[in-house]
């Protein structure tokens, strides 16, 4: 294909896996924009053929020249975790307003834009991440009805610096792994490699509108943790502790860490009993779902990428 591929926020878990899929398909002219220089350099080292751009999209500047009319833009940037609302406003909302403004200025076709939203826009949770993703999606919808918007559930896989990736590293370092409550809340984990393949397919499959991309299996949180422990052959002891005690521990942690990998807001979202809708994305995008146990083994087993750590 002749189009320039631009990935905003491309040095996170979704972006790196998308680059991996595109490179494996021998697709070139890939440009990744991100504000995290360490992760960008790591991405360039893994995939030398791509072009990286170190910019903060919340600040207008020279990065606007990266965008040209004949481009396909993947809007992936978003603040994932913080205790400060301004981080979400700047890195999710302000950045999106700037990117959409440049897309309009450069006359990039709406059908050449793929936006990664989140299943949390349908969640009962109410925190900074949920509010910012709802606002971000509304900005994209208002911009054009012809943009494809995908709403994935909690993702896991290679290069995961937060969520299950951080938890997997935690259980390898500490003798005790705490589970809030009974741990039997249902999750729908989505293998990020499957999602990356879905994103890659949007380059050739012309779709528009909003599609819910949820994991096909419904698994309890404690079952997920036990499976990861089994694969990693971890010696950690999994113990259940009262929700309120877990909450207090996270509050104390936040006193010493401005950007903790797991917050009280994520704890609240984790324990909400809800199941998200989905579409038949396997048929739509011709991507076969990977069973959780197989995906977990690829992620937490002996992959050559397993020990690569991104920075927060």
C-alpha atoms as a PDB file:
ATOM      1  CA  UNK A   1       0.000   0.000   0.000  1.00  0.00           C
ATOM      2  CA  UNK A   2       1.156   3.566  -0.688  1.00  0.00           C
ATOM      3  CA  UNK A   3      -0.390   5.276   2.293  1.00  0.00           C
ATOM      4  CA  UNK A   4       1.627   6.688   5.124  1.00  0.00           C
ATOM      5  CA  UNK A   5       0.666   4.962   8.358  1.00  0.00           C
ATOM      6  CA  UNK A   6       0.611   7.250  11.392  1.00  0.00           C
ATOM      7  CA  UNK A   7       0.128   5.800  14.878  1.00  0.00           C
ATOM      8  CA  UNK A   8      -0.443   8.309  17.681  1.00  0.00           C
ATOM      9  CA  UNK A   9       0.488   7.069  21.141  1.00  0.00           C
ATOM     10  CA  UNK A  10       2.135   4.169  19.355  1.00  0.00           C
ATOM     11  CA  UNK A  11       4.720   3.263  22.001  1.00  0.00           C
ATOM     12  CA  UNK A  12       2.211   1.604  24.331  1.00  0.00           C
ATOM     13  CA  UNK A  13       0.979  -1.986  24.405  1.00  0.00           C
ATOM     14  CA  UNK A  14      -1.457  -1.612  21.480  1.00  0.00           C
ATOM     15  CA  UNK A  15       0.867   0.472  19.323  1.00  0.00           C
ATOM     16  CA  UNK A  16       3.895  -1.795  19.677  1.00  0.00           C
ATOM     17  CA  UNK A  17       1.845  -4.910  18.925  1.00  0.00           C
ATOM     18  CA  UNK A  18       0.292  -3.133  15.923  1.00  0.00           C
ATOM     19  CA  UNK A  19       3.754  -2.226  14.623  1.00  0.00           C
ATOM     20  CA  UNK A  20       4.834  -5.835  15.118  1.00  0.00           C
ATOM     21  CA  UNK A  21       1.890  -7.117  13.049  1.00  0.00           C
ATOM     22  CA  UNK A  22       2.389  -4.523  10.290  1.00  0.00           C
ATOM     23  CA  UNK A  23       6.122  -5.212  10.009  1.00  0.00           C
ATOM     24  CA  UNK A  24       5.474  -8.958   9.870  1.00  0.00           C
ATOM     25  CA  UNK A  25       3.098  -8.259   6.970  1.00  0.00           C
ATOM     26  CA  UNK A  26       5.903  -6.333   5.210  1.00  0.00           C
ATOM     27  CA  UNK A  27       3.935  -3.085   5.408  1.00  0.00           C
ATOM     28  CA  UNK A  28       6.223  -0.044   5.415  1.00  0.00           C
ATOM     29  CA  UNK A  29       6.083   3.744   5.769  1.00  0.00           C
ATOM     30  CA  UNK A  30       5.101   3.429   9.447  1.00  0.00           C
ATOM     31  CA  UNK A  31       5.385   6.543  11.604  1.00  0.00           C
ATOM     32  CA  UNK A  32       4.918   6.364  15.380  1.00  0.00           C
ATOM     33  CA  UNK A  33       4.342   9.457  17.526  1.00  0.00           C
ATOM     34  CA  UNK A  34       4.689   9.244  21.306  1.00  0.00           C
ATOM     35  CA  UNK A  35       5.845  11.402  24.216  1.00  0.00           C
ATOM     36  CA  UNK A  36       7.691   8.560  25.973  1.00  0.00           C
ATOM     37  CA  UNK A  37      11.208   8.681  24.546  1.00  0.00           C
ATOM     38  CA  UNK A  38      12.421   5.504  26.280  1.00  0.00           C
ATOM     39  CA  UNK A  39       9.605   3.416  24.857  1.00  0.00           C
ATOM     40  CA  UNK A  40      10.000   5.002  21.423  1.00  0.00           C
ATOM     41  CA  UNK A  41      13.690   4.131  21.307  1.00  0.00           C
ATOM     42  CA  UNK A  42      12.904   0.603  22.415  1.00  0.00           C
ATOM     43  CA  UNK A  43      10.325   0.308  19.634  1.00  0.00           C
ATOM     44  CA  UNK A  44      12.856   1.545  17.063  1.00  0.00           C
ATOM     45  CA  UNK A  45      15.410  -0.977  18.309  1.00  0.00           C
ATOM     46  CA  UNK A  46      12.896  -3.814  17.917  1.00  0.00           C
ATOM     47  CA  UNK A  47      11.677  -2.660  14.496  1.00  0.00           C
ATOM     48  CA  UNK A  48      14.389  -0.553  12.788  1.00  0.00           C
ATOM     49  CA  UNK A  49      12.399  -0.004   9.578  1.00  0.00           C
ATOM     50  CA  UNK A  50       9.860   2.310  11.225  1.00  0.00           C
ATOM     51  CA  UNK A  51      10.168   6.059  11.817  1.00  0.00           C
ATOM     52  CA  UNK A  52       9.672   7.390  15.337  1.00  0.00           C
ATOM     53  CA  UNK A  53       8.702  10.920  16.391  1.00  0.00           C
ATOM     54  CA  UNK A  54       9.122  12.196  19.944  1.00  0.00           C
ATOM     55  CA  UNK A  55       6.365  14.751  20.527  1.00  0.00           C
ATOM     56  CA  UNK A  56       3.724  15.729  23.062  1.00  0.00           C
ATOM     57  CA  UNK A  57       0.493  15.909  21.055  1.00  0.00           C
ATOM     58  CA  UNK A  58      -1.133  18.184  23.625  1.00  0.00           C
ATOM     59  CA  UNK A  59       1.256  20.916  22.415  1.00  0.00           C
ATOM     60  CA  UNK A  60       0.887  22.097  18.825  1.00  0.00           C
ATOM     61  CA  UNK A  61       4.128  22.066  16.901  1.00  0.00           C
ATOM     62  CA  UNK A  62       6.279  20.496  14.199  1.00  0.00           C
ATOM     63  CA  UNK A  63       4.601  17.100  14.613  1.00  0.00           C
ATOM     64  CA  UNK A  64       1.737  18.455  12.489  1.00  0.00           C
ATOM     65  CA  UNK A  65       4.018  18.142   9.429  1.00  0.00           C
ATOM     66  CA  UNK A  66       4.052  14.348   9.844  1.00  0.00           C
ATOM     67  CA  UNK A  67       0.433  14.252   8.690  1.00  0.00           C
ATOM     68  CA  UNK A  68      -0.217  14.274   4.950  1.00  0.00           C
ATOM     69  CA  UNK A  69      -3.383  13.826   2.924  1.00  0.00           C
ATOM     70  CA  UNK A  70      -2.617  10.281   1.835  1.00  0.00           C
ATOM     71  CA  UNK A  71      -2.343   8.783   5.334  1.00  0.00           C
ATOM     72  CA  UNK A  72      -4.083   6.212   7.478  1.00  0.00           C
ATOM     73  CA  UNK A  73      -4.206   7.426  11.054  1.00  0.00           C
ATOM     74  CA  UNK A  74      -4.548   5.151  14.074  1.00  0.00           C
ATOM     75  CA  UNK A  75      -5.588   7.255  17.081  1.00  0.00           C
ATOM     76  CA  UNK A  76      -4.285   5.268  20.049  1.00  0.00           C
ATOM     77  CA  UNK A  77      -3.029   7.925  22.458  1.00  0.00           C
ATOM     78  CA  UNK A  78      -4.643   8.136  25.901  1.00  0.00           C
ATOM     79  CA  UNK A  79      -3.694   8.554  29.537  1.00  0.00           C
ATOM     80  CA  UNK A  80      -4.167   5.147  31.173  1.00  0.00           C
ATOM     81  CA  UNK A  81      -3.460   5.759  34.836  1.00  0.00           C
ATOM     82  CA  UNK A  82      -2.873   8.787  37.039  1.00  0.00           C
ATOM     83  CA  UNK A  83      -4.187  10.385  40.211  1.00  0.00           C
ATOM     84  CA  UNK A  84      -4.295  13.770  38.483  1.00  0.00           C
ATOM     85  CA  UNK A  85      -7.199  14.783  36.222  1.00  0.00           C
ATOM     86  CA  UNK A  86      -4.975  17.211  34.316  1.00  0.00           C
ATOM     87  CA  UNK A  87      -2.905  14.280  32.987  1.00  0.00           C
ATOM     88  CA  UNK A  88      -6.047  12.783  31.442  1.00  0.00           C
ATOM     89  CA  UNK A  89      -7.220  16.130  30.100  1.00  0.00           C
ATOM     90  CA  UNK A  90      -3.863  16.876  28.493  1.00  0.00           C
ATOM     91  CA  UNK A  91      -2.920  13.426  27.151  1.00  0.00           C
ATOM     92  CA  UNK A  92      -6.372  12.201  26.093  1.00  0.00           C
ATOM     93  CA  UNK A  93      -8.655  15.162  25.464  1.00  0.00           C
ATOM     94  CA  UNK A  94      -6.396  18.071  24.464  1.00  0.00           C
ATOM     95  CA  UNK A  95      -4.201  15.791  22.352  1.00  0.00           C
ATOM     96  CA  UNK A  96      -7.210  14.424  20.479  1.00  0.00           C
ATOM     97  CA  UNK A  97      -8.536  17.899  19.763  1.00  0.00           C
ATOM     98  CA  UNK A  98      -5.153  18.843  18.300  1.00  0.00           C
ATOM     99  CA  UNK A  99      -4.873  15.675  16.196  1.00  0.00           C
ATOM    100  CA  UNK A 100      -8.385  16.045  14.781  1.00  0.00           C
ATOM    101  CA  UNK A 101      -7.666  19.684  13.951  1.00  0.00           C
ATOM    102  CA  UNK A 102      -4.585  18.648  11.953  1.00  0.00           C
ATOM    103  CA  UNK A 103      -6.490  15.833  10.237  1.00  0.00           C
ATOM    104  CA  UNK A 104      -9.064  18.388   9.076  1.00  0.00           C
ATOM    105  CA  UNK A 105      -6.360  20.809   7.970  1.00  0.00           C
ATOM    106  CA  UNK A 106      -4.563  18.122   5.928  1.00  0.00           C
ATOM    107  CA  UNK A 107      -7.850  16.839   4.399  1.00  0.00           C
ATOM    108  CA  UNK A 108      -7.277  13.260   5.523  1.00  0.00           C
ATOM    109  CA  UNK A 109     -10.286  11.103   4.602  1.00  0.00           C
ATOM    110  CA  UNK A 110     -12.430  10.027   7.568  1.00  0.00           C
ATOM    111  CA  UNK A 111     -12.493   6.446   6.293  1.00  0.00           C
ATOM    112  CA  UNK A 112      -8.703   6.450   6.731  1.00  0.00           C
ATOM    113  CA  UNK A 113      -8.990   7.019  10.477  1.00  0.00           C
ATOM    114  CA  UNK A 114      -9.255   4.256  13.075  1.00  0.00           C
ATOM    115  CA  UNK A 115      -9.874   5.319  16.644  1.00  0.00           C
ATOM    116  CA  UNK A 116      -9.293   3.044  19.627  1.00  0.00           C
ATOM    117  CA  UNK A 117     -11.855   3.911  22.257  1.00  0.00           C
ATOM    118  CA  UNK A 118     -12.606   1.586  25.187  1.00  0.00           C
ATOM    119  CA  UNK A 119     -15.339  -0.635  26.575  1.00  0.00           C
ATOM    120  CA  UNK A 120     -15.288   1.580  29.675  1.00  0.00           C
ATOM    121  CA  UNK A 121     -17.530   4.078  27.894  1.00  0.00           C
ATOM    122  CA  UNK A 122     -20.286   1.522  28.638  1.00  0.00           C
ATOM    123  CA  UNK A 123     -19.073   0.871  32.182  1.00  0.00           C
ATOM    124  CA  UNK A 124     -20.777   1.678  35.468  1.00  0.00           C
ATOM    125  CA  UNK A 125     -17.414   2.910  36.713  1.00  0.00           C
ATOM    126  CA  UNK A 126     -16.884   6.644  37.054  1.00  0.00           C
ATOM    127  CA  UNK A 127     -13.249   7.716  37.265  1.00  0.00           C
ATOM    128  CA  UNK A 128     -10.821   9.963  35.414  1.00  0.00           C
ATOM    129  CA  UNK A 129     -10.018   7.332  32.801  1.00  0.00           C
ATOM    130  CA  UNK A 130     -13.685   6.606  32.052  1.00  0.00           C
ATOM    131  CA  UNK A 131     -14.568  10.299  31.826  1.00  0.00           C
ATOM    132  CA  UNK A 132     -11.636  11.100  29.558  1.00  0.00           C
ATOM    133  CA  UNK A 133     -12.316   8.173  27.197  1.00  0.00           C
ATOM    134  CA  UNK A 134     -15.996   9.125  26.946  1.00  0.00           C
ATOM    135  CA  UNK A 135     -15.024  12.680  26.079  1.00  0.00           C
ATOM    136  CA  UNK A 136     -12.408  11.500  23.592  1.00  0.00           C
ATOM    137  CA  UNK A 137     -14.888   9.244  21.805  1.00  0.00           C
ATOM    138  CA  UNK A 138     -17.483  12.022  21.659  1.00  0.00           C
ATOM    139  CA  UNK A 139     -14.909  14.311  20.031  1.00  0.00           C
ATOM    140  CA  UNK A 140     -14.184  11.700  17.365  1.00  0.00           C
ATOM    141  CA  UNK A 141     -17.893  11.024  16.721  1.00  0.00           C
ATOM    142  CA  UNK A 142     -18.601  14.737  16.435  1.00  0.00           C
ATOM    143  CA  UNK A 143     -15.717  15.115  13.975  1.00  0.00           C
ATOM    144  CA  UNK A 144     -17.127  12.529  11.545  1.00  0.00           C
ATOM    145  CA  UNK A 145     -19.604   9.648  11.442  1.00  0.00           C
ATOM    146  CA  UNK A 146     -17.383   7.867   8.912  1.00  0.00           C
ATOM    147  CA  UNK A 147     -14.568   7.111  11.353  1.00  0.00           C
ATOM    148  CA  UNK A 148     -14.236   3.532  12.578  1.00  0.00           C
ATOM    149  CA  UNK A 149     -14.339   3.465  16.391  1.00  0.00           C
ATOM    150  CA  UNK A 150     -13.340   0.276  18.209  1.00  0.00           C
ATOM    151  CA  UNK A 151     -14.110  -0.359  21.871  1.00  0.00           C
ATOM    152  CA  UNK A 152     -11.815  -3.096  23.232  1.00  0.00           C
ATOM    153  CA  UNK A 153     -12.067  -4.595  26.706  1.00  0.00           C
ATOM    154  CA  UNK A 154      -9.097  -5.029  29.078  1.00  0.00           C
ATOM    155  CA  UNK A 155      -6.126  -6.079  26.967  1.00  0.00           C
ATOM    156  CA  UNK A 156      -3.147  -8.214  27.846  1.00  0.00           C
ATOM    157  CA  UNK A 157      -0.167  -9.523  25.955  1.00  0.00           C
ATOM    158  CA  UNK A 158       3.407  -8.709  25.050  1.00  0.00           C
ATOM    159  CA  UNK A 159       4.746  -5.296  26.098  1.00  0.00           C
ATOM    160  CA  UNK A 160       2.025  -4.818  28.730  1.00  0.00           C
ATOM    161  CA  UNK A 161       3.491  -2.339  31.234  1.00  0.00           C
ATOM    162  CA  UNK A 162       0.336  -2.063  33.340  1.00  0.00           C
ATOM    163  CA  UNK A 163      -2.651  -4.266  34.205  1.00  0.00           C
ATOM    164  CA  UNK A 164      -1.865  -7.976  33.874  1.00  0.00           C
ATOM    165  CA  UNK A 165       1.700  -7.297  32.765  1.00  0.00           C
ATOM    166  CA  UNK A 166       2.496  -5.427  35.962  1.00  0.00           C
ATOM    167  CA  UNK A 167       0.661  -8.023  38.068  1.00  0.00           C
ATOM    168  CA  UNK A 168       2.654 -10.837  36.447  1.00  0.00           C
ATOM    169  CA  UNK A 169       5.907  -9.122  37.382  1.00  0.00           C
ATOM    170  CA  UNK A 170       4.611  -8.422  40.901  1.00  0.00           C
ATOM    171  CA  UNK A 171       3.975 -12.103  41.573  1.00  0.00           C
ATOM    172  CA  UNK A 172       7.536 -12.968  40.504  1.00  0.00           C
ATOM    173  CA  UNK A 173       9.017 -10.504  43.010  1.00  0.00           C
ATOM    174  CA  UNK A 174       6.876 -10.903  46.118  1.00  0.00           C
ATOM    175  CA  UNK A 175       6.004 -13.991  48.196  1.00  0.00           C
ATOM    176  CA  UNK A 176       2.376 -12.942  48.647  1.00  0.00           C
ATOM    177  CA  UNK A 177      -0.123 -11.915  45.968  1.00  0.00           C
ATOM    178  CA  UNK A 178      -3.250 -10.217  47.398  1.00  0.00           C
ATOM    179  CA  UNK A 179      -6.661 -10.617  45.768  1.00  0.00           C
ATOM    180  CA  UNK A 180      -9.362  -8.072  46.700  1.00  0.00           C
ATOM    181  CA  UNK A 181     -12.522  -9.781  47.962  1.00  0.00           C
ATOM    182  CA  UNK A 182     -13.288 -13.241  46.600  1.00  0.00           C
ATOM    183  CA  UNK A 183     -11.748 -12.524  43.195  1.00  0.00           C
ATOM    184  CA  UNK A 184     -14.722 -14.007  41.356  1.00  0.00           C
ATOM    185  CA  UNK A 185     -15.622 -10.938  39.319  1.00  0.00           C
ATOM    186  CA  UNK A 186     -15.961 -11.643  35.621  1.00  0.00           C
ATOM    187  CA  UNK A 187     -13.429 -10.241  33.133  1.00  0.00           C
ATOM    188  CA  UNK A 188     -13.328 -10.440  29.325  1.00  0.00           C
ATOM    189  CA  UNK A 189      -9.597 -10.208  28.594  1.00  0.00           C
ATOM    190  CA  UNK A 190      -8.723  -9.417  24.989  1.00  0.00           C
ATOM    191  CA  UNK A 191      -5.418 -10.698  23.635  1.00  0.00           C
ATOM    192  CA  UNK A 192      -3.694  -7.598  22.280  1.00  0.00           C
ATOM    193  CA  UNK A 193      -2.206  -9.561  19.359  1.00  0.00           C
ATOM    194  CA  UNK A 194      -5.750 -10.367  18.187  1.00  0.00           C
ATOM    195  CA  UNK A 195      -6.680  -6.702  18.525  1.00  0.00           C
ATOM    196  CA  UNK A 196      -3.557  -5.608  16.647  1.00  0.00           C
ATOM    197  CA  UNK A 197      -4.548  -7.915  13.782  1.00  0.00           C
ATOM    198  CA  UNK A 198      -8.018  -6.335  13.784  1.00  0.00           C
ATOM    199  CA  UNK A 199      -6.437  -2.878  13.546  1.00  0.00           C
ATOM    200  CA  UNK A 200      -4.135  -3.973  10.739  1.00  0.00           C
ATOM    201  CA  UNK A 201      -7.087  -5.375   8.793  1.00  0.00           C
ATOM    202  CA  UNK A 202      -8.797  -1.949   8.832  1.00  0.00           C
ATOM    203  CA  UNK A 203      -6.233  -0.860   6.247  1.00  0.00           C
ATOM    204  CA  UNK A 204      -8.018  -3.023   3.687  1.00  0.00           C
ATOM    205  CA  UNK A 205     -11.495  -3.546   5.160  1.00  0.00           C
ATOM    206  CA  UNK A 206     -13.653  -0.462   4.781  1.00  0.00           C
ATOM    207  CA  UNK A 207     -15.790  -0.124   7.928  1.00  0.00           C
ATOM    208  CA  UNK A 208     -17.271   2.797   9.831  1.00  0.00           C
ATOM    209  CA  UNK A 209     -19.275   3.311  12.988  1.00  0.00           C
ATOM    210  CA  UNK A 210     -18.750   1.924  16.482  1.00  0.00           C
ATOM    211  CA  UNK A 211     -17.853  -1.715  17.148  1.00  0.00           C
ATOM    212  CA  UNK A 212     -17.487  -3.369  20.563  1.00  0.00           C
ATOM    213  CA  UNK A 213     -14.430  -5.630  20.537  1.00  0.00           C
ATOM    214  CA  UNK A 214     -14.700  -7.701  23.716  1.00  0.00           C
ATOM    215  CA  UNK A 215     -12.767 -10.806  24.683  1.00  0.00           C
ATOM    216  CA  UNK A 216     -14.735 -13.909  23.710  1.00  0.00           C
ATOM    217  CA  UNK A 217     -14.158 -15.722  27.020  1.00  0.00           C
ATOM    218  CA  UNK A 218     -15.634 -14.689  30.359  1.00  0.00           C
ATOM    219  CA  UNK A 219     -13.118 -15.561  33.084  1.00  0.00           C
ATOM    220  CA  UNK A 220     -12.973 -14.717  36.774  1.00  0.00           C
ATOM    221  CA  UNK A 221     -10.151 -12.455  37.872  1.00  0.00           C
ATOM    222  CA  UNK A 222      -8.762 -15.031  40.290  1.00  0.00           C
ATOM    223  CA  UNK A 223      -8.710 -17.663  37.519  1.00  0.00           C
ATOM    224  CA  UNK A 224      -6.669 -15.291  35.356  1.00  0.00           C
ATOM    225  CA  UNK A 225      -4.160 -14.750  38.165  1.00  0.00           C
ATOM    226  CA  UNK A 226      -3.882 -18.482  38.890  1.00  0.00           C
ATOM    227  CA  UNK A 227      -3.233 -19.249  35.213  1.00  0.00           C
ATOM    228  CA  UNK A 228      -0.465 -16.640  35.021  1.00  0.00           C
ATOM    229  CA  UNK A 229       1.074 -18.028  38.209  1.00  0.00           C
ATOM    230  CA  UNK A 230       0.999 -21.544  36.751  1.00  0.00           C
ATOM    231  CA  UNK A 231       2.691 -20.507  33.498  1.00  0.00           C
ATOM    232  CA  UNK A 232       5.389 -18.509  35.269  1.00  0.00           C
ATOM    233  CA  UNK A 233       5.904 -21.262  37.846  1.00  0.00           C
ATOM    234  CA  UNK A 234       5.701 -18.586  40.496  1.00  0.00           C
ATOM    235  CA  UNK A 235       6.047 -19.488  44.179  1.00  0.00           C
ATOM    236  CA  UNK A 236       3.900 -16.593  45.351  1.00  0.00           C
ATOM    237  CA  UNK A 237       1.042 -17.344  47.719  1.00  0.00           C
ATOM    238  CA  UNK A 238      -2.320 -16.053  46.487  1.00  0.00           C
ATOM    239  CA  UNK A 239      -4.386 -14.765  49.412  1.00  0.00           C
ATOM    240  CA  UNK A 240      -7.802 -13.115  49.497  1.00  0.00           C
ATOM    241  CA  UNK A 241      -8.050  -9.960  51.566  1.00  0.00           C
ATOM    242  CA  UNK A 242     -11.052  -7.739  52.340  1.00  0.00           C
ATOM    243  CA  UNK A 243     -11.789  -5.091  49.738  1.00  0.00           C
ATOM    244  CA  UNK A 244     -11.484  -2.233  52.235  1.00  0.00           C
ATOM    245  CA  UNK A 245      -8.018  -3.384  53.333  1.00  0.00           C
ATOM    246  CA  UNK A 246      -6.885  -3.568  49.709  1.00  0.00           C
ATOM    247  CA  UNK A 247      -8.298  -0.076  49.182  1.00  0.00           C
ATOM    248  CA  UNK A 248      -6.336   1.307  52.141  1.00  0.00           C
ATOM    249  CA  UNK A 249      -3.112  -0.307  50.897  1.00  0.00           C
ATOM    250  CA  UNK A 250      -3.513   1.395  47.514  1.00  0.00           C
ATOM    251  CA  UNK A 251      -4.209   4.740  49.207  1.00  0.00           C
ATOM    252  CA  UNK A 252      -1.001   4.359  51.193  1.00  0.00           C
ATOM    253  CA  UNK A 253       0.940   3.382  48.067  1.00  0.00           C
ATOM    254  CA  UNK A 254      -0.272   6.527  46.305  1.00  0.00           C
ATOM    255  CA  UNK A 255       1.336   8.655  49.030  1.00  0.00           C
ATOM    256  CA  UNK A 256       4.761   7.540  47.801  1.00  0.00           C
ATOM    257  CA  UNK A 257       4.108   7.095  44.055  1.00  0.00           C
ATOM    258  CA  UNK A 258       2.684   9.940  41.959  1.00  0.00           C
ATOM    259  CA  UNK A 259       1.872   7.594  39.093  1.00  0.00           C
ATOM    260  CA  UNK A 260       1.076   4.193  40.662  1.00  0.00           C
ATOM    261  CA  UNK A 261       0.571   1.258  38.288  1.00  0.00           C
ATOM    262  CA  UNK A 262      -2.645   0.303  40.088  1.00  0.00           C
ATOM    263  CA  UNK A 263      -4.985   2.855  41.668  1.00  0.00           C
ATOM    264  CA  UNK A 264      -8.089   2.876  43.854  1.00  0.00           C
ATOM    265  CA  UNK A 265     -10.090   3.827  40.756  1.00  0.00           C
ATOM    266  CA  UNK A 266      -8.908   0.751  38.895  1.00  0.00           C
ATOM    267  CA  UNK A 267      -9.748  -1.326  41.958  1.00  0.00           C
ATOM    268  CA  UNK A 268     -13.312  -0.010  41.904  1.00  0.00           C
ATOM    269  CA  UNK A 269     -13.612  -0.724  38.160  1.00  0.00           C
ATOM    270  CA  UNK A 270     -12.117  -4.190  38.615  1.00  0.00           C
ATOM    271  CA  UNK A 271     -14.730  -5.305  41.138  1.00  0.00           C
ATOM    272  CA  UNK A 272     -17.825  -3.990  39.337  1.00  0.00           C
ATOM    273  CA  UNK A 273     -19.929  -6.982  38.183  1.00  0.00           C
ATOM    274  CA  UNK A 274     -20.526  -6.217  34.509  1.00  0.00           C
ATOM    275  CA  UNK A 275     -20.229  -7.902  31.115  1.00  0.00           C
ATOM    276  CA  UNK A 276     -19.571  -5.853  27.989  1.00  0.00           C
ATOM    277  CA  UNK A 277     -21.262  -6.394  24.605  1.00  0.00           C
ATOM    278  CA  UNK A 278     -19.352  -7.543  21.560  1.00  0.00           C
ATOM    279  CA  UNK A 279     -19.721  -8.025  17.827  1.00  0.00           C
ATOM    280  CA  UNK A 280     -18.679 -10.954  15.662  1.00  0.00           C
ATOM    281  CA  UNK A 281     -15.261  -9.416  15.085  1.00  0.00           C
ATOM    282  CA  UNK A 282     -13.820 -12.734  13.974  1.00  0.00           C
ATOM    283  CA  UNK A 283     -15.998 -12.721  10.853  1.00  0.00           C
ATOM    284  CA  UNK A 284     -15.889  -8.966  10.259  1.00  0.00           C
ATOM    285  CA  UNK A 285     -12.090  -8.694  10.327  1.00  0.00           C
ATOM    286  CA  UNK A 286     -11.157 -12.299   9.499  1.00  0.00           C
ATOM    287  CA  UNK A 287      -9.227 -12.645  12.761  1.00  0.00           C
ATOM    288  CA  UNK A 288      -9.500 -15.852  14.752  1.00  0.00           C
ATOM    289  CA  UNK A 289      -9.690 -15.422  18.518  1.00  0.00           C
ATOM    290  CA  UNK A 290      -6.842 -16.848  20.590  1.00  0.00           C
ATOM    291  CA  UNK A 291      -7.939 -18.862  23.618  1.00  0.00           C
ATOM    292  CA  UNK A 292      -6.895 -17.267  26.902  1.00  0.00           C
ATOM    293  CA  UNK A 293      -4.680 -20.146  28.014  1.00  0.00           C
ATOM    294  CA  UNK A 294      -2.832 -20.147  24.690  1.00  0.00           C
ATOM    295  CA  UNK A 295      -2.493 -16.355  24.683  1.00  0.00           C
ATOM    296  CA  UNK A 296      -1.308 -16.363  28.309  1.00  0.00           C
ATOM    297  CA  UNK A 297       1.345 -18.964  27.491  1.00  0.00           C
ATOM    298  CA  UNK A 298       2.599 -16.860  24.571  1.00  0.00           C
ATOM    299  CA  UNK A 299       2.721 -13.808  26.807  1.00  0.00           C
ATOM    300  CA  UNK A 300       4.053 -15.146  30.097  1.00  0.00           C
ATOM    301  CA  UNK A 301       5.933 -18.179  28.783  1.00  0.00           C
ATOM    302  CA  UNK A 302       9.295 -18.205  27.034  1.00  0.00           C
ATOM    303  CA  UNK A 303       8.702 -15.449  24.482  1.00  0.00           C
ATOM    304  CA  UNK A 304      11.781 -13.527  23.326  1.00  0.00           C
ATOM    305  CA  UNK A 305       9.846 -10.340  24.116  1.00  0.00           C
ATOM    306  CA  UNK A 306       8.699 -11.380  27.601  1.00  0.00           C
ATOM    307  CA  UNK A 307      11.338  -9.521  29.601  1.00  0.00           C
ATOM    308  CA  UNK A 308      11.131  -6.260  27.650  1.00  0.00           C
ATOM    309  CA  UNK A 309       9.817  -3.621  30.020  1.00  0.00           C
ATOM    310  CA  UNK A 310       8.223  -0.361  28.986  1.00  0.00           C
ATOM    311  CA  UNK A 311       8.310   2.659  31.265  1.00  0.00           C
ATOM    312  CA  UNK A 312       5.269   4.378  32.710  1.00  0.00           C
END
